[in-house]
PDB file of all heavy atoms in Angstrom:
ATOM      1  N   ALA A   1      14.157  -5.877   7.007  1.00  0.00           N
ATOM      2  CA  ALA A   1      14.148  -4.650   6.403  1.00  0.00           C
ATOM      3  C   ALA A   1      12.774  -4.236   6.084  1.00  0.00           C
ATOM      4  O   ALA A   1      12.295  -3.056   6.067  1.00  0.00           O
ATOM      5  CB  ALA A   1      15.004  -4.687   5.171  1.00  0.00           C
ATOM      6  N   LEU A   2      11.879  -5.174   5.553  1.00  0.00           N
ATOM      7  CA  LEU A   2      10.547  -4.914   5.288  1.00  0.00           C
ATOM      8  C   LEU A   2       9.752  -4.534   6.377  1.00  0.00           C
ATOM      9  O   LEU A   2       8.810  -3.591   6.279  1.00  0.00           O
ATOM     10  CB  LEU A   2       9.910  -6.132   4.569  1.00  0.00           C
ATOM     11  CG  LEU A   2      10.357  -6.450   3.134  1.00  0.00           C
ATOM     12  CD1 LEU A   2       9.648  -7.775   2.683  1.00  0.00           C
ATOM     13  CD2 LEU A   2       9.802  -5.330   2.160  1.00  0.00           C
ATOM     14  N   LEU A   3      10.041  -4.984   7.545  1.00  0.00           N
ATOM     15  CA  LEU A   3       9.390  -4.626   8.858  1.00  0.00           C
ATOM     16  C   LEU A   3       9.848  -3.301   9.271  1.00  0.00           C
ATOM     17  O   LEU A   3       9.012  -2.520   9.952  1.00  0.00           O
ATOM     18  CB  LEU A   3       9.530  -5.628   9.871  1.00  0.00           C
ATOM     19  CG  LEU A   3       8.840  -7.138   9.553  1.00  0.00           C
ATOM     20  CD1 LEU A   3       9.262  -8.015  10.692  1.00  0.00           C
ATOM     21  CD2 LEU A   3       7.413  -6.844   9.699  1.00  0.00           C
ATOM     22  N   LEU A   4      11.037  -2.919   8.998  1.00  0.00           N
ATOM     23  CA  LEU A   4      11.618  -1.682   9.481  1.00  0.00           C
ATOM     24  C   LEU A   4      11.085  -0.522   8.812  1.00  0.00           C
ATOM     25  O   LEU A   4      10.809   0.573   9.463  1.00  0.00           O
ATOM     26  CB  LEU A   4      13.162  -1.695   9.441  1.00  0.00           C
ATOM     27  CG  LEU A   4      13.882  -2.580  10.382  1.00  0.00           C
ATOM     28  CD1 LEU A   4      15.339  -2.515  10.150  1.00  0.00           C
ATOM     29  CD2 LEU A   4      13.494  -2.276  11.879  1.00  0.00           C
ATOM     30  N   VAL A   5      10.791  -0.561   7.504  1.00  0.00           N
ATOM     31  CA  VAL A   5      10.337   0.684   6.831  1.00  0.00           C
ATOM     32  C   VAL A   5       8.800   0.812   7.000  1.00  0.00           C
ATOM     33  O   VAL A   5       8.071  -0.263   7.190  1.00  0.00           O
ATOM     34  CB  VAL A   5      10.637   0.648   5.277  1.00  0.00           C
ATOM     35  CG1 VAL A   5      12.129   0.776   5.113  1.00  0.00           C
ATOM     36  CG2 VAL A   5      10.157  -0.547   4.712  1.00  0.00           C
ATOM     37  N   PRO A   6       8.212   1.928   7.109  1.00  0.00           N
ATOM     38  CA  PRO A   6       6.821   2.117   7.297  1.00  0.00           C
ATOM     39  C   PRO A   6       5.986   1.410   6.230  1.00  0.00           C
ATOM     40  O   PRO A   6       5.307   0.475   6.457  1.00  0.00           O
ATOM     41  CB  PRO A   6       6.610   3.660   7.203  1.00  0.00           C
ATOM     42  CG  PRO A   6       7.860   4.196   7.527  1.00  0.00           C
ATOM     43  CD  PRO A   6       8.914   3.331   6.888  1.00  0.00           C
ATOM     44  N   ILE A   7       6.128   1.847   4.966  1.00  0.00           N
ATOM     45  CA  ILE A   7       5.533   1.203   3.887  1.00  0.00           C
ATOM     46  C   ILE A   7       6.325   1.495   2.609  1.00  0.00           C
ATOM     47  O   ILE A   7       6.799   2.583   2.362  1.00  0.00           O
ATOM     48  CB  ILE A   7       4.049   1.785   3.529  1.00  0.00           C
ATOM     49  CG1 ILE A   7       3.096   1.528   4.654  1.00  0.00           C
ATOM     50  CG2 ILE A   7       3.522   1.362   2.242  1.00  0.00           C
ATOM     51  CD1 ILE A   7       2.821  -0.008   4.978  1.00  0.00           C
ATOM     52  N   SER A   8       6.659   0.435   1.811  1.00  0.00           N
ATOM     53  CA  SER A   8       7.420   0.781   0.552  1.00  0.00           C
ATOM     54  C   SER A   8       6.792   0.044  -0.532  1.00  0.00           C
ATOM     55  O   SER A   8       6.437  -1.244  -0.402  1.00  0.00           O
ATOM     56  CB  SER A   8       8.871   0.377   0.809  1.00  0.00           C
ATOM     57  OG  SER A   8       8.854  -1.084   1.116  1.00  0.00           O
ATOM     58  N   ILE A   9       6.378   0.696  -1.521  1.00  0.00           N
ATOM     59  CA  ILE A   9       5.608   0.184  -2.722  1.00  0.00           C
ATOM     60  C   ILE A   9       6.667  -0.802  -3.372  1.00  0.00           C
ATOM     61  O   ILE A   9       7.731  -0.314  -3.830  1.00  0.00           O
ATOM     62  CB  ILE A   9       5.013   1.166  -3.513  1.00  0.00           C
ATOM     63  CG1 ILE A   9       4.100   2.069  -2.693  1.00  0.00           C
ATOM     64  CG2 ILE A   9       4.399   0.500  -4.739  1.00  0.00           C
ATOM     65  CD1 ILE A   9       2.849   1.286  -2.117  1.00  0.00           C
ATOM     66  N   ASN A  10       6.229  -2.029  -3.599  1.00  0.00           N
ATOM     67  CA  ASN A  10       7.187  -2.933  -4.286  1.00  0.00           C
ATOM     68  C   ASN A  10       6.272  -3.941  -4.834  1.00  0.00           C
ATOM     69  O   ASN A  10       5.075  -3.972  -4.961  1.00  0.00           O
ATOM     70  CB  ASN A  10       8.184  -3.645  -3.252  1.00  0.00           C
ATOM     71  CG  ASN A  10       7.519  -4.246  -2.036  1.00  0.00           C
ATOM     72  OD1 ASN A  10       6.426  -4.833  -2.184  1.00  0.00           O
ATOM     73  ND2 ASN A  10       8.133  -4.029  -0.914  1.00  0.00           N
ATOM     74  N   SER A  11       6.858  -4.995  -5.539  1.00  0.00           N
ATOM     75  CA  SER A  11       6.085  -6.093  -6.183  1.00  0.00           C
ATOM     76  C   SER A  11       5.191  -6.779  -5.288  1.00  0.00           C
ATOM     77  O   SER A  11       4.092  -7.281  -5.768  1.00  0.00           O
ATOM     78  CB  SER A  11       7.104  -7.034  -6.915  1.00  0.00           C
ATOM     79  OG  SER A  11       7.882  -7.555  -5.843  1.00  0.00           O
ATOM     80  N   GLN A  12       5.524  -6.878  -4.093  1.00  0.00           N
ATOM     81  CA  GLN A  12       4.845  -7.575  -3.079  1.00  0.00           C
ATOM     82  C   GLN A  12       3.422  -6.746  -2.789  1.00  0.00           C
ATOM     83  O   GLN A  12       2.425  -7.360  -2.455  1.00  0.00           O
ATOM     84  CB  GLN A  12       5.548  -7.855  -1.821  1.00  0.00           C
ATOM     85  CG  GLN A  12       4.877  -8.826  -0.910  1.00  0.00           C
ATOM     86  CD  GLN A  12       5.638  -9.112   0.350  1.00  0.00           C
ATOM     87  OE1 GLN A  12       6.733  -8.532   0.480  1.00  0.00           O
ATOM     88  NE2 GLN A  12       5.200 -10.120   1.095  1.00  0.00           N
ATOM     89  N   THR A  13       3.588  -5.506  -2.682  1.00  0.00           N
ATOM     90  CA  THR A  13       2.392  -4.578  -2.386  1.00  0.00           C
ATOM     91  C   THR A  13       1.716  -4.031  -3.506  1.00  0.00           C
ATOM     92  O   THR A  13       0.577  -3.431  -3.335  1.00  0.00           O
ATOM     93  CB  THR A  13       2.909  -3.461  -1.442  1.00  0.00           C
ATOM     94  OG1 THR A  13       3.725  -2.640  -2.149  1.00  0.00           O
ATOM     95  CG2 THR A  13       3.540  -3.978  -0.161  1.00  0.00           C
ATOM     96  N   SER A  14       2.149  -4.041  -4.706  1.00  0.00           N
ATOM     97  CA  SER A  14       1.530  -3.455  -5.875  1.00  0.00           C
ATOM     98  C   SER A  14       0.224  -3.935  -6.069  1.00  0.00           C
ATOM     99  O   SER A  14      -0.527  -3.108  -6.719  1.00  0.00           O
ATOM    100  CB  SER A  14       2.581  -3.643  -7.140  1.00  0.00           C
ATOM    101  OG  SER A  14       2.674  -5.006  -7.346  1.00  0.00           O
ATOM    102  N   ASN A  15      -0.110  -5.207  -5.790  1.00  0.00           N
ATOM    103  CA  ASN A  15      -1.480  -5.777  -6.029  1.00  0.00           C
ATOM    104  C   ASN A  15      -2.354  -5.610  -4.743  1.00  0.00           C
ATOM    105  O   ASN A  15      -3.543  -5.844  -4.788  1.00  0.00           O
ATOM    106  CB  ASN A  15      -1.424  -7.200  -6.375  1.00  0.00           C
ATOM    107  CG  ASN A  15      -0.717  -7.459  -7.672  1.00  0.00           C
ATOM    108  OD1 ASN A  15      -0.841  -6.549  -8.528  1.00  0.00           O
ATOM    109  ND2 ASN A  15       0.000  -8.557  -7.805  1.00  0.00           N
ATOM    110  N   GLN A  16      -1.845  -4.923  -3.760  1.00  0.00           N
ATOM    111  CA  GLN A  16      -2.649  -4.672  -2.559  1.00  0.00           C
ATOM    112  C   GLN A  16      -3.152  -3.134  -2.682  1.00  0.00           C
ATOM    113  O   GLN A  16      -2.478  -2.247  -2.457  1.00  0.00           O
ATOM    114  CB  GLN A  16      -1.795  -4.878  -1.267  1.00  0.00           C
ATOM    115  CG  GLN A  16      -1.407  -6.377  -1.194  1.00  0.00           C
ATOM    116  CD  GLN A  16      -0.378  -6.607  -0.038  1.00  0.00           C
ATOM    117  OE1 GLN A  16       0.345  -5.799   0.297  1.00  0.00           O
ATOM    118  NE2 GLN A  16      -0.522  -7.827   0.489  1.00  0.00           N
ATOM    119  N   LYS A  17      -4.400  -2.994  -2.948  1.00  0.00           N
ATOM    120  CA  LYS A  17      -4.914  -1.755  -3.422  1.00  0.00           C
ATOM    121  C   LYS A  17      -4.954  -0.748  -2.146  1.00  0.00           C
ATOM    122  O   LYS A  17      -5.092   0.448  -2.452  1.00  0.00           O
ATOM    123  CB  LYS A  17      -6.271  -1.810  -4.047  1.00  0.00           C
ATOM    124  CG  LYS A  17      -6.247  -2.579  -5.436  1.00  0.00           C
ATOM    125  CD  LYS A  17      -7.598  -2.620  -5.980  1.00  0.00           C
ATOM    126  CE  LYS A  17      -7.571  -3.310  -7.258  1.00  0.00           C
ATOM    127  NZ  LYS A  17      -8.890  -3.340  -7.999  1.00  0.00           N
ATOM    128  N   TRP A  18      -4.776  -1.210  -0.914  1.00  0.00           N
ATOM    129  CA  TRP A  18      -4.732  -0.189   0.093  1.00  0.00           C
ATOM    130  C   TRP A  18      -3.501   0.554   0.077  1.00  0.00           C
ATOM    131  O   TRP A  18      -3.363   1.514   0.790  1.00  0.00           O
ATOM    132  CB  TRP A  18      -5.025  -0.898   1.456  1.00  0.00           C
ATOM    133  CG  TRP A  18      -4.212  -2.289   1.688  1.00  0.00           C
ATOM    134  CD1 TRP A  18      -2.950  -2.256   2.409  1.00  0.00           C
ATOM    135  CD2 TRP A  18      -4.485  -3.520   1.261  1.00  0.00           C
ATOM    136  NE1 TRP A  18      -2.580  -3.590   2.310  1.00  0.00           N
ATOM    137  CE2 TRP A  18      -3.476  -4.411   1.821  1.00  0.00           C
ATOM    138  CE3 TRP A  18      -5.575  -4.143   0.612  1.00  0.00           C
ATOM    139  CZ2 TRP A  18      -3.479  -5.756   1.548  1.00  0.00           C
ATOM    140  CZ3 TRP A  18      -5.549  -5.520   0.386  1.00  0.00           C
ATOM    141  CH2 TRP A  18      -4.504  -6.258   0.798  1.00  0.00           C
ATOM    142  N   PHE A  19      -2.536   0.146  -0.665  1.00  0.00           N
ATOM    143  CA  PHE A  19      -1.302   0.983  -0.822  1.00  0.00           C
ATOM    144  C   PHE A  19      -1.360   1.894  -2.003  1.00  0.00           C
ATOM    145  O   PHE A  19      -0.441   2.579  -2.333  1.00  0.00           O
ATOM    146  CB  PHE A  19      -0.008   0.080  -0.995  1.00  0.00           C
ATOM    147  CG  PHE A  19       0.140  -0.756   0.359  1.00  0.00           C
ATOM    148  CD1 PHE A  19       0.186  -2.054   0.372  1.00  0.00           C
ATOM    149  CD2 PHE A  19       0.367   0.051   1.524  1.00  0.00           C
ATOM    150  CE1 PHE A  19       0.428  -2.791   1.438  1.00  0.00           C
ATOM    151  CE2 PHE A  19       0.678  -0.817   2.760  1.00  0.00           C
ATOM    152  CZ  PHE A  19       0.597  -2.183   2.684  1.00  0.00           C
ATOM    153  N   ASP A  20      -2.448   1.810  -2.767  1.00  0.00           N
ATOM    154  CA  ASP A  20      -2.595   2.695  -3.981  1.00  0.00           C
ATOM    155  C   ASP A  20      -3.073   4.075  -3.662  1.00  0.00           C
ATOM    156  O   ASP A  20      -4.082   4.409  -3.305  1.00  0.00           O
ATOM    157  CB  ASP A  20      -3.519   1.945  -4.915  1.00  0.00           C
ATOM    158  CG  ASP A  20      -3.698   2.769  -6.302  1.00  0.00           C
ATOM    159  OD1 ASP A  20      -3.052   3.896  -6.432  1.00  0.00           O
ATOM    160  OD2 ASP A  20      -4.476   2.177  -7.054  1.00  0.00           O
ATOM    161  N   THR A  21      -2.089   5.015  -3.721  1.00  0.00           N
ATOM    162  CA  THR A  21      -2.278   6.407  -3.253  1.00  0.00           C
ATOM    163  C   THR A  21      -3.186   7.265  -4.314  1.00  0.00           C
ATOM    164  O   THR A  21      -3.461   8.371  -3.940  1.00  0.00           O
ATOM    165  CB  THR A  21      -0.968   7.153  -2.989  1.00  0.00           C
ATOM    166  OG1 THR A  21      -0.229   7.019  -4.233  1.00  0.00           O
ATOM    167  CG2 THR A  21      -0.204   6.543  -1.839  1.00  0.00           C
ATOM    168  N   THR A  22      -3.436   6.551  -5.487  1.00  0.00           N
ATOM    169  CA  THR A  22      -4.408   7.240  -6.347  1.00  0.00           C
ATOM    170  C   THR A  22      -5.806   7.064  -5.910  1.00  0.00           C
ATOM    171  O   THR A  22      -6.629   7.908  -6.441  1.00  0.00           O
ATOM    172  CB  THR A  22      -4.208   6.811  -7.725  1.00  0.00           C
ATOM    173  OG1 THR A  22      -4.686   5.361  -7.855  1.00  0.00           O
ATOM    174  CG2 THR A  22      -2.757   6.857  -8.308  1.00  0.00           C
ATOM    175  N   LEU A  23      -6.064   6.194  -4.951  1.00  0.00           N
ATOM    176  CA  LEU A  23      -7.435   5.897  -4.491  1.00  0.00           C
ATOM    177  C   LEU A  23      -7.629   6.816  -3.194  1.00  0.00           C
ATOM    178  O   LEU A  23      -6.722   7.259  -2.587  1.00  0.00           O
ATOM    179  CB  LEU A  23      -7.659   4.503  -4.204  1.00  0.00           C
ATOM    180  CG  LEU A  23      -7.472   3.405  -5.362  1.00  0.00           C
ATOM    181  CD1 LEU A  23      -7.631   2.094  -4.813  1.00  0.00           C
ATOM    182  CD2 LEU A  23      -8.352   3.764  -6.516  1.00  0.00           C
ATOM    183  N   SER A  24      -8.985   6.943  -2.923  1.00  0.00           N
ATOM    184  CA  SER A  24      -9.227   7.643  -1.733  1.00  0.00           C
ATOM    185  C   SER A  24      -8.931   6.881  -0.512  1.00  0.00           C
ATOM    186  O   SER A  24      -8.759   5.626  -0.704  1.00  0.00           O
ATOM    187  CB  SER A  24     -10.754   8.156  -1.701  1.00  0.00           C
ATOM    188  OG  SER A  24     -11.545   7.056  -1.542  1.00  0.00           O
ATOM    189  N   HIS A  25      -8.944   7.552   0.715  1.00  0.00           N
ATOM    190  CA  HIS A  25      -8.575   6.725   1.887  1.00  0.00           C
ATOM    191  C   HIS A  25      -9.769   5.787   2.067  1.00  0.00           C
ATOM    192  O   HIS A  25      -9.493   4.669   2.444  1.00  0.00           O
ATOM    193  CB  HIS A  25      -8.499   7.693   3.135  1.00  0.00           C
ATOM    194  CG  HIS A  25      -7.353   8.561   3.097  1.00  0.00           C
ATOM    195  ND1 HIS A  25      -7.180   9.635   3.933  1.00  0.00           N
ATOM    196  CD2 HIS A  25      -6.103   8.361   2.623  1.00  0.00           C
ATOM    197  CE1 HIS A  25      -6.024  10.140   3.852  1.00  0.00           C
ATOM    198  NE2 HIS A  25      -5.325   9.304   3.049  1.00  0.00           N
ATOM    199  N   GLU A  26     -10.948   6.171   1.859  1.00  0.00           N
ATOM    200  CA  GLU A  26     -12.018   5.263   2.121  1.00  0.00           C
ATOM    201  C   GLU A  26     -12.017   4.027   1.107  1.00  0.00           C
ATOM    202  O   GLU A  26     -12.307   2.869   1.530  1.00  0.00           O
ATOM    203  CB  GLU A  26     -13.380   5.999   1.816  1.00  0.00           C
ATOM    204  CG  GLU A  26     -13.819   7.018   2.931  1.00  0.00           C
ATOM    205  CD  GLU A  26     -13.048   8.316   2.884  1.00  0.00           C
ATOM    206  OE1 GLU A  26     -12.316   8.427   1.797  1.00  0.00           O
ATOM    207  OE2 GLU A  26     -13.116   9.122   3.683  1.00  0.00           O
ATOM    208  N   GLU A  27     -11.639   4.319  -0.103  1.00  0.00           N
ATOM    209  CA  GLU A  27     -11.592   3.213  -1.059  1.00  0.00           C
ATOM    210  C   GLU A  27     -10.507   2.132  -0.651  1.00  0.00           C
ATOM    211  O   GLU A  27     -10.584   1.027  -0.773  1.00  0.00           O
ATOM    212  CB  GLU A  27     -11.328   3.655  -2.504  1.00  0.00           C
ATOM    213  CG  GLU A  27     -12.470   4.374  -3.060  1.00  0.00           C
ATOM    214  CD  GLU A  27     -12.121   5.084  -4.359  1.00  0.00           C
ATOM    215  OE1 GLU A  27     -11.023   5.752  -4.567  1.00  0.00           O
ATOM    216  OE2 GLU A  27     -12.967   5.037  -5.245  1.00  0.00           O
ATOM    217  N   ARG A  28      -9.303   2.682  -0.241  1.00  0.00           N
ATOM    218  CA  ARG A  28      -8.112   1.879   0.156  1.00  0.00           C
ATOM    219  C   ARG A  28      -8.553   1.014   1.322  1.00  0.00           C
ATOM    220  O   ARG A  28      -8.196  -0.159   1.359  1.00  0.00           O
ATOM    221  CB  ARG A  28      -7.013   2.772   0.475  1.00  0.00           C
ATOM    222  CG  ARG A  28      -6.515   3.581  -0.779  1.00  0.00           C
ATOM    223  CD  ARG A  28      -5.522   4.615  -0.506  1.00  0.00           C
ATOM    224  NE  ARG A  28      -4.185   4.089   0.048  1.00  0.00           N
ATOM    225  CZ  ARG A  28      -3.301   4.945   0.457  1.00  0.00           C
ATOM    226  NH1 ARG A  28      -3.386   6.122   0.529  1.00  0.00           N
ATOM    227  NH2 ARG A  28      -2.107   4.397   1.005  1.00  0.00           N
ATOM    228  N   ILE A  29      -9.240   1.611   2.336  1.00  0.00           N
ATOM    229  CA  ILE A  29      -9.600   0.926   3.504  1.00  0.00           C
ATOM    230  C   ILE A  29     -10.632  -0.214   3.184  1.00  0.00           C
ATOM    231  O   ILE A  29     -10.594  -1.257   3.767  1.00  0.00           O
ATOM    232  CB  ILE A  29     -10.215   1.950   4.600  1.00  0.00           C
ATOM    233  CG1 ILE A  29      -9.007   2.855   5.017  1.00  0.00           C
ATOM    234  CG2 ILE A  29     -10.587   1.135   5.730  1.00  0.00           C
ATOM    235  CD1 ILE A  29      -9.387   4.042   5.971  1.00  0.00           C
ATOM    236  N   ASP A  30     -11.515   0.106   2.321  1.00  0.00           N
ATOM    237  CA  ASP A  30     -12.544  -0.940   1.871  1.00  0.00           C
ATOM    238  C   ASP A  30     -11.748  -2.084   1.397  1.00  0.00           C
ATOM    239  O   ASP A  30     -12.245  -3.240   1.589  1.00  0.00           O
ATOM    240  CB  ASP A  30     -13.455  -0.318   1.027  1.00  0.00           C
ATOM    241  CG  ASP A  30     -14.571   0.598   1.646  1.00  0.00           C
ATOM    242  OD1 ASP A  30     -14.640   0.620   2.863  1.00  0.00           O
ATOM    243  OD2 ASP A  30     -15.088   1.503   0.817  1.00  0.00           O
TER     244      ASP A  30
END
């Protein structure tokens, strides 16, 4: 199920800042 959805913010991704939509694209990619 995790592979089927594009991106879902959860406890696993909450510490991965590239999923933080409050940051700019450039910051997330860095």
